[in-house]
Amino acid sequence: MAKHTQAHLSRKVPKSQSKGGLTAMAKRQVEYYMGAKLEEIGVNINLPIYRWKGEDKGNFIEWTYSAYWEDSKEQILAEEAKAAGDGQAATTT
């Protein structure tokens, strides 16, 4: 069986509420639940990298909090480094 190397928690927020953003309290709650979920499955909460992503869903914005560790963490960091490198190359030319 494949070992999981990422976890995600989502919340939908009406666009009319807080301009579609999560309140600071809602963010802290999701971050707390993620930590509890990771501990439950035996992942040290200091090892993953965490990322927020917002996606437009019509009248709502779906906010997803993701944790990546092991292989997934390496892949995300490599993609971000490549994107940062591509951006620098475009601005220095």
C-alpha atoms as a PDB file:
ATOM      1  CA  MET A   1       0.000   0.000   0.000  1.00  0.00           C
ATOM      2  CA  ALA A   2       1.303   3.462  -0.914  1.00  0.00           C
ATOM      3  CA  LYS A   3       2.318   5.748   1.909  1.00  0.00           C
ATOM      4  CA  HIS A   4       0.566   9.120   2.079  1.00  0.00           C
ATOM      5  CA  THR A   5       2.813  12.175   1.850  1.00  0.00           C
ATOM      6  CA  GLN A   6       0.233  14.966   1.775  1.00  0.00           C
ATOM      7  CA  ALA A   7      -2.982  16.080   3.475  1.00  0.00           C
ATOM      8  CA  HIS A   8      -5.569  18.741   2.633  1.00  0.00           C
ATOM      9  CA  LEU A   9      -8.381  20.543   4.488  1.00  0.00           C
ATOM     10  CA  SER A  10     -10.835  22.857   2.706  1.00  0.00           C
ATOM     11  CA  ARG A  11     -13.322  25.541   3.705  1.00  0.00           C
ATOM     12  CA  LYS A  12     -15.818  27.340   1.456  1.00  0.00           C
ATOM     13  CA  VAL A  13     -16.388  31.030   2.079  1.00  0.00           C
ATOM     14  CA  PRO A  14     -19.086  33.120   0.362  1.00  0.00           C
ATOM     15  CA  LYS A  15     -17.536  35.901  -1.718  1.00  0.00           C
ATOM     16  CA  SER A  16     -19.855  38.381  -0.011  1.00  0.00           C
ATOM     17  CA  GLN A  17     -18.339  37.498   3.388  1.00  0.00           C
ATOM     18  CA  SER A  18     -14.967  39.118   4.131  1.00  0.00           C
ATOM     19  CA  LYS A  19     -14.389  39.657   0.413  1.00  0.00           C
ATOM     20  CA  GLY A  20     -14.040  35.894   0.024  1.00  0.00           C
ATOM     21  CA  GLY A  21     -11.139  35.580   2.463  1.00  0.00           C
ATOM     22  CA  LEU A  22     -10.915  33.509   5.602  1.00  0.00           C
ATOM     23  CA  THR A  23     -10.901  35.295   8.924  1.00  0.00           C
ATOM     24  CA  ALA A  24      -7.770  34.989  11.042  1.00  0.00           C
ATOM     25  CA  MET A  25      -9.717  32.817  13.488  1.00  0.00           C
ATOM     26  CA  ALA A  26     -10.912  30.475  10.718  1.00  0.00           C
ATOM     27  CA  LYS A  27      -7.334  30.127   9.450  1.00  0.00           C
ATOM     28  CA  ARG A  28      -6.075  29.268  12.937  1.00  0.00           C
ATOM     29  CA  GLN A  29      -8.834  26.659  13.303  1.00  0.00           C
ATOM     30  CA  VAL A  30      -7.937  24.975  10.012  1.00  0.00           C
ATOM     31  CA  GLU A  31      -4.236  25.041  10.918  1.00  0.00           C
ATOM     32  CA  TYR A  32      -5.048  23.498  14.319  1.00  0.00           C
ATOM     33  CA  TYR A  33      -7.165  20.743  12.744  1.00  0.00           C
ATOM     34  CA  MET A  34      -4.396  20.004  10.241  1.00  0.00           C
ATOM     35  CA  GLY A  35      -1.889  19.620  13.065  1.00  0.00           C
ATOM     36  CA  ALA A  36      -4.246  17.251  14.890  1.00  0.00           C
ATOM     37  CA  LYS A  37      -4.833  15.254  11.703  1.00  0.00           C
ATOM     38  CA  LEU A  38      -1.090  14.915  11.075  1.00  0.00           C
ATOM     39  CA  GLU A  39      -0.386  13.833  14.647  1.00  0.00           C
ATOM     40  CA  GLU A  40      -3.203  11.300  14.369  1.00  0.00           C
ATOM     41  CA  ILE A  41      -1.502   9.647  11.395  1.00  0.00           C
ATOM     42  CA  GLY A  42       1.945   9.824  12.991  1.00  0.00           C
ATOM     43  CA  VAL A  43       3.505  12.752  11.107  1.00  0.00           C
ATOM     44  CA  ASN A  44       5.683  15.172  13.085  1.00  0.00           C
ATOM     45  CA  ILE A  45       3.978  18.554  12.519  1.00  0.00           C
ATOM     46  CA  ASN A  46       7.365  20.296  12.147  1.00  0.00           C
ATOM     47  CA  LEU A  47       8.397  18.239   9.093  1.00  0.00           C
ATOM     48  CA  PRO A  48       5.821  19.214   6.417  1.00  0.00           C
ATOM     49  CA  ILE A  49       5.626  22.407   4.443  1.00  0.00           C
ATOM     50  CA  TYR A  50       2.224  24.103   4.461  1.00  0.00           C
ATOM     51  CA  ARG A  51       0.482  26.026   1.703  1.00  0.00           C
ATOM     52  CA  TRP A  52      -2.831  27.938   1.349  1.00  0.00           C
ATOM     53  CA  LYS A  53      -4.649  28.001  -1.991  1.00  0.00           C
ATOM     54  CA  GLY A  54      -7.860  29.787  -2.944  1.00  0.00           C
ATOM     55  CA  GLU A  55     -10.031  28.609  -5.826  1.00  0.00           C
ATOM     56  CA  ASP A  56     -13.003  30.473  -7.276  1.00  0.00           C
ATOM     57  CA  LYS A  57     -16.175  28.351  -7.161  1.00  0.00           C
ATOM     58  CA  GLY A  58     -18.810  30.811  -8.398  1.00  0.00           C
ATOM     59  CA  ASN A  59     -20.406  32.473  -5.366  1.00  0.00           C
ATOM     60  CA  PHE A  60     -17.813  30.889  -3.083  1.00  0.00           C
ATOM     61  CA  ILE A  61     -14.077  30.739  -2.744  1.00  0.00           C
ATOM     62  CA  GLU A  62     -12.762  27.364  -1.619  1.00  0.00           C
ATOM     63  CA  TRP A  63      -9.691  27.752   0.586  1.00  0.00           C
ATOM     64  CA  THR A  64      -7.498  24.671   0.905  1.00  0.00           C
ATOM     65  CA  TYR A  65      -4.742  24.248   3.483  1.00  0.00           C
ATOM     66  CA  SER A  66      -2.255  21.606   2.406  1.00  0.00           C
ATOM     67  CA  ALA A  67       0.610  19.832   4.145  1.00  0.00           C
ATOM     68  CA  TYR A  68       3.350  18.091   2.178  1.00  0.00           C
ATOM     69  CA  TRP A  69       6.105  15.872   3.566  1.00  0.00           C
ATOM     70  CA  GLU A  70       8.696  13.407   2.271  1.00  0.00           C
ATOM     71  CA  ASP A  71       8.441  12.936  -1.531  1.00  0.00           C
ATOM     72  CA  SER A  72       5.586  15.433  -1.941  1.00  0.00           C
ATOM     73  CA  LYS A  73       7.529  18.094  -0.033  1.00  0.00           C
ATOM     74  CA  GLU A  74      10.576  17.630  -2.260  1.00  0.00           C
ATOM     75  CA  GLN A  75       8.401  17.840  -5.388  1.00  0.00           C
ATOM     76  CA  ILE A  76       6.643  21.055  -4.267  1.00  0.00           C
ATOM     77  CA  LEU A  77       9.926  22.722  -3.298  1.00  0.00           C
ATOM     78  CA  ALA A  78      11.496  21.756  -6.637  1.00  0.00           C
ATOM     79  CA  GLU A  79       8.487  23.167  -8.548  1.00  0.00           C
ATOM     80  CA  GLU A  80       8.607  26.408  -6.556  1.00  0.00           C
ATOM     81  CA  ALA A  81      12.378  26.748  -7.088  1.00  0.00           C
ATOM     82  CA  LYS A  82      11.922  26.198 -10.818  1.00  0.00           C
ATOM     83  CA  ALA A  83       9.119  28.782 -10.974  1.00  0.00           C
ATOM     84  CA  ALA A  84      11.245  31.270  -9.024  1.00  0.00           C
ATOM     85  CA  GLY A  85      14.186  30.606 -11.324  1.00  0.00           C
ATOM     86  CA  ASP A  86      12.027  31.059 -14.426  1.00  0.00           C
ATOM     87  CA  GLY A  87      10.761  34.354 -13.060  1.00  0.00           C
ATOM     88  CA  GLN A  88      14.286  35.626 -12.371  1.00  0.00           C
ATOM     89  CA  ALA A  89      15.513  34.599 -15.823  1.00  0.00           C
ATOM     90  CA  ALA A  90      12.668  36.518 -17.440  1.00  0.00           C
ATOM     91  CA  THR A  91      13.394  39.692 -15.474  1.00  0.00           C
ATOM     92  CA  THR A  92      17.175  39.647 -15.977  1.00  0.00           C
ATOM     93  CA  THR A  93      17.018  39.227 -19.746  1.00  0.00           C
END
